[in-house]
Amino acid sequence: MPPFDKHLFICCNRREPGHRRGSCDPHGTEMLQKAFKKALAERGVKRVRANKSGCLDQCEKGPSVVVYPDTVWYGGVTEADVNEIVDEHIIGGRPVTRLLMKE
């Protein structure tokens, strides 16, 4: 199999409830990562990998997703945003500006 063109790293880090930094996957369901995998599969996208990630150290801006090699960071991502990211950025090549992580 050829190497992947892109990798999506989806933070699935969990912290105890009420932690001052928050948690990207507070219930430990990995639903955001599963939603990306499903959206890619439904569109027949083969050379993009949706990886579970540990802490991306952007907890206050999470749930966090980073796309490499594009080095595009998304913050506050929900399952409702997944199709837009896949369609616009992964397939269309245009990052979703409303979700870009603020510096």
Protein backbone atom coordinates (compact mmCIF):
# COMPACT_ATOMS: atom_id res chain seq x y z
CA MET A 1 0.00 0.00 0.00
CA PRO A 2 1.37 3.46 -0.86
CA PRO A 3 1.93 5.97 1.93
CA PHE A 4 -0.89 8.24 3.01
CA ASP A 5 -1.26 11.71 1.48
CA LYS A 6 -2.67 13.21 4.67
CA HIS A 7 -3.03 12.32 8.31
CA LEU A 8 -5.73 13.70 10.57
CA PHE A 9 -4.79 13.57 14.23
CA ILE A 10 -7.94 13.74 16.35
CA CYS A 11 -7.34 14.34 20.03
CA CYS A 12 -8.99 11.64 22.14
CA ASN A 13 -7.39 12.72 25.41
CA ARG A 14 -9.48 12.34 28.57
CA ARG A 15 -9.14 14.12 31.86
CA GLU A 16 -11.15 13.90 35.01
CA PRO A 17 -14.37 15.97 35.05
CA GLY A 18 -13.80 19.59 36.00
CA HIS A 19 -10.10 19.64 35.10
CA ARG A 20 -8.97 23.23 34.57
CA ARG A 21 -7.68 22.52 31.03
CA GLY A 22 -10.73 20.63 29.81
CA SER A 23 -10.77 17.44 27.79
CA CYS A 24 -11.15 16.78 24.06
CA ASP A 25 -12.90 13.43 24.63
CA PRO A 26 -14.43 13.68 28.11
CA HIS A 27 -16.56 10.55 27.74
CA GLY A 28 -13.85 8.41 26.14
CA THR A 29 -16.07 7.43 23.21
CA GLU A 30 -13.67 8.47 20.42
CA MET A 31 -16.78 9.48 18.47
CA LEU A 32 -15.06 12.34 16.65
CA GLN A 33 -12.35 10.04 15.30
CA LYS A 34 -14.94 7.44 14.35
CA ALA A 35 -16.97 10.11 12.53
CA PHE A 36 -13.91 11.13 10.47
CA LYS A 37 -13.21 7.49 9.56
CA LYS A 38 -16.83 7.00 8.52
CA ALA A 39 -16.93 10.19 6.43
CA LEU A 40 -13.71 9.27 4.62
CA ALA A 41 -14.94 5.73 3.94
CA GLU A 42 -18.33 6.94 2.67
CA ARG A 43 -16.53 9.13 0.14
CA GLY A 44 -14.08 6.45 -0.90
CA VAL A 45 -11.07 8.44 0.32
CA LYS A 46 -8.29 5.87 0.68
CA ARG A 47 -5.04 7.79 1.11
CA VAL A 48 -6.03 9.78 4.19
CA ARG A 49 -5.72 8.35 7.67
CA ALA A 50 -7.85 9.51 10.64
CA ASN A 51 -5.66 8.75 13.66
CA LYS A 52 -6.58 8.81 17.31
CA SER A 53 -4.20 11.09 19.11
CA GLY A 54 -3.21 11.66 22.67
CA CYS A 55 -3.04 15.20 23.98
CA LEU A 56 -2.15 17.79 21.33
CA ASP A 57 -1.60 20.36 24.13
CA GLN A 58 -4.35 22.68 22.89
CA CYS A 59 -6.87 21.55 25.48
CA GLU A 60 -8.52 24.92 26.02
CA LYS A 61 -9.24 25.12 22.28
CA GLY A 62 -10.48 21.57 21.86
CA PRO A 63 -11.70 19.25 20.66
CA SER A 64 -8.60 19.55 18.51
CA VAL A 65 -7.84 18.14 15.07
CA VAL A 66 -4.64 18.70 13.10
CA VAL A 67 -4.14 17.85 9.43
CA TYR A 68 -0.65 16.95 8.22
CA PRO A 69 1.29 17.63 6.09
CA ASP A 70 -0.87 20.76 5.76
CA THR A 71 -0.19 21.83 9.39
CA VAL A 72 -3.76 23.05 9.66
CA TRP A 73 -5.09 23.07 13.23
CA TYR A 74 -8.81 23.04 13.98
CA GLY A 75 -10.34 23.81 17.35
CA GLY A 76 -13.77 23.33 18.85
CA VAL A 77 -14.53 20.59 16.34
CA THR A 78 -17.80 18.68 16.75
CA GLU A 79 -19.27 15.73 14.90
CA ALA A 80 -21.42 18.25 13.00
CA ASP A 81 -18.21 19.73 11.50
CA VAL A 82 -16.72 16.47 10.22
CA ASN A 83 -18.40 16.34 6.80
CA GLU A 84 -17.48 19.96 6.09
CA ILE A 85 -13.82 19.37 6.98
CA VAL A 86 -13.68 16.23 4.83
CA ASP A 87 -15.50 17.77 1.86
CA GLU A 88 -13.94 21.23 1.90
CA HIS A 89 -10.41 20.58 3.18
CA ILE A 90 -9.51 16.94 2.64
CA ILE A 91 -11.21 16.55 -0.74
CA GLY A 92 -11.46 20.18 -1.88
CA GLY A 93 -8.12 21.45 -0.57
CA ARG A 94 -9.65 24.48 1.18
CA PRO A 95 -9.30 24.65 4.98
CA VAL A 96 -12.49 25.46 6.87
CA THR A 97 -11.64 28.96 8.09
CA ARG A 98 -14.36 29.20 10.73
CA LEU A 99 -12.79 26.27 12.60
CA LEU A 100 -9.14 27.29 12.33
CA MET A 101 -7.48 27.35 15.72
CA LYS A 102 -6.68 30.83 16.92
CA GLU A 103 -3.07 31.55 17.90
